[in-house]
Amino acid sequence: MSLEPHVALEDFLSAVREHYAAAAHRTSDTDPRVEASYMALADAFELYEDALYTAFDEVTPFELFDDVEDAKDDDEDDDLEDDDEDDDFDDDDDDDDDDFDDEDDDSVR
């Protein structure tokens, strides 16, 4: 069951404000309040975007960092698979240059 878009928007904005407050008053690099508000913000964003899409068939221009990283990882995995396929082909053309015989060429003398 999806939230009403205006309710999801208010929850998202509250999560943005909470994350800002946690970041502004950070006590250390591993402040649990910042981590918790980060996760709450990500969750609130997903709920808002889902509600927006369900109600209006609309999306935001934003992507969550984890989603972007997952997409990059998928692309890198695809690239690695493509590289492995290229290794299956052996290029024998490189050996042809070794067959050239300088002794029969008059221009070398």
Protein backbone atom coordinates (compact mmCIF):
# COMPACT_ATOMS: atom_id res chain seq x y z
CA MET A 1 0.00 0.00 0.00
CA SER A 2 1.45 3.31 -1.07
CA LEU A 3 1.36 6.56 0.87
CA GLU A 4 -0.39 9.63 -0.39
CA PRO A 5 2.23 11.73 -2.21
CA HIS A 6 1.78 14.77 0.04
CA VAL A 7 2.26 12.63 3.17
CA ALA A 8 5.35 10.98 1.66
CA LEU A 9 6.69 14.42 0.72
CA GLU A 10 6.31 15.71 4.28
CA ASP A 11 8.02 12.58 5.65
CA PHE A 12 10.83 13.02 3.13
CA LEU A 13 11.32 16.69 4.01
CA SER A 14 11.38 15.81 7.71
CA ALA A 15 14.06 13.20 6.98
CA VAL A 16 16.08 15.81 5.06
CA ARG A 17 15.88 18.20 8.03
CA GLU A 18 16.87 15.46 10.48
CA HIS A 19 19.84 14.44 8.36
CA TYR A 20 20.95 18.07 8.13
CA ALA A 21 20.72 18.49 11.91
CA ALA A 22 22.65 15.27 12.51
CA ALA A 23 25.37 16.24 10.04
CA ALA A 24 25.64 19.77 11.45
CA HIS A 25 26.10 18.44 14.97
CA ARG A 26 28.22 15.40 14.15
CA THR A 27 30.30 14.21 17.10
CA SER A 28 32.65 11.93 15.13
CA ASP A 29 33.22 10.33 11.75
CA THR A 30 31.18 7.37 12.94
CA ASP A 31 28.36 9.28 14.64
CA PRO A 32 25.44 6.82 14.84
CA ARG A 33 22.90 9.64 14.60
CA VAL A 34 24.27 10.64 11.19
CA GLU A 35 24.23 7.03 10.00
CA ALA A 36 20.66 6.51 11.22
CA SER A 37 19.42 9.74 9.66
CA TYR A 38 21.18 8.86 6.38
CA MET A 39 19.36 5.54 6.21
CA ALA A 40 16.04 7.16 7.21
CA LEU A 41 16.52 9.76 4.48
CA ALA A 42 17.17 7.07 1.86
CA ASP A 43 14.07 5.16 2.96
CA ALA A 44 11.91 8.29 2.98
CA PHE A 45 13.12 9.20 -0.49
CA GLU A 46 12.20 5.78 -1.87
CA LEU A 47 8.74 5.99 -0.29
CA TYR A 48 8.23 9.48 -1.71
CA GLU A 49 9.35 8.48 -5.19
CA ASP A 50 7.12 5.40 -5.12
CA ALA A 51 4.12 7.46 -4.00
CA LEU A 52 4.82 10.09 -6.65
CA TYR A 53 5.06 7.47 -9.38
CA THR A 54 1.96 5.60 -8.21
CA ALA A 55 -0.18 8.73 -8.02
CA PHE A 56 1.12 10.75 -10.97
CA ASP A 57 3.30 8.43 -13.06
CA GLU A 58 6.19 10.79 -12.28
CA VAL A 59 9.74 10.26 -11.02
CA THR A 60 12.44 12.50 -9.57
CA PRO A 61 15.75 13.22 -11.28
CA PHE A 62 17.61 11.67 -8.34
CA GLU A 63 19.15 8.26 -7.72
CA LEU A 64 20.27 6.85 -4.40
CA PHE A 65 24.03 6.44 -4.09
CA ASP A 66 23.73 2.68 -3.51
CA ASP A 67 21.62 2.31 -6.66
CA VAL A 68 24.21 4.21 -8.70
CA GLU A 69 27.04 2.10 -7.27
CA ASP A 70 25.08 -1.10 -7.98
CA ALA A 71 24.59 0.00 -11.58
CA LYS A 72 28.32 0.76 -11.93
CA ASP A 73 29.16 -2.65 -10.48
CA ASP A 74 26.79 -4.29 -12.95
CA ASP A 75 28.41 -2.40 -15.84
CA GLU A 76 31.89 -3.38 -14.66
CA ASP A 77 30.79 -7.01 -14.40
CA ASP A 78 29.46 -6.84 -17.97
CA ASP A 79 32.74 -5.30 -19.17
CA LEU A 80 34.73 -8.08 -17.49
CA GLU A 81 32.57 -10.71 -19.17
CA ASP A 82 33.13 -9.02 -22.54
CA ASP A 83 36.90 -8.99 -21.96
CA ASP A 84 36.86 -12.70 -21.16
CA GLU A 85 35.12 -13.43 -24.45
CA ASP A 86 37.85 -11.53 -26.34
CA ASP A 87 40.51 -13.76 -24.79
CA ASP A 88 39.01 -16.78 -26.54
CA PHE A 89 40.28 -15.57 -29.91
CA ASP A 90 43.97 -15.97 -30.74
CA ASP A 91 45.51 -13.51 -33.13
CA ASP A 92 47.92 -15.43 -35.38
CA ASP A 93 48.55 -12.45 -37.66
CA ASP A 94 51.31 -11.17 -35.37
CA ASP A 95 53.66 -13.98 -36.43
CA ASP A 96 53.70 -12.98 -40.14
CA ASP A 97 56.26 -10.19 -39.66
CA ASP A 98 58.94 -12.68 -38.53
CA ASP A 99 58.93 -14.43 -41.92
CA PHE A 100 60.47 -11.47 -43.79
CA ASP A 101 63.90 -12.36 -45.19
CA ASP A 102 66.35 -9.45 -45.50
CA GLU A 103 68.90 -11.43 -47.55
CA ASP A 104 66.73 -11.49 -50.69
CA ASP A 105 66.08 -7.75 -50.60
CA ASP A 106 68.58 -5.81 -52.79
CA SER A 107 67.75 -2.49 -51.15
CA VAL A 108 69.25 -3.59 -47.83
CA ARG A 109 72.83 -3.91 -49.23
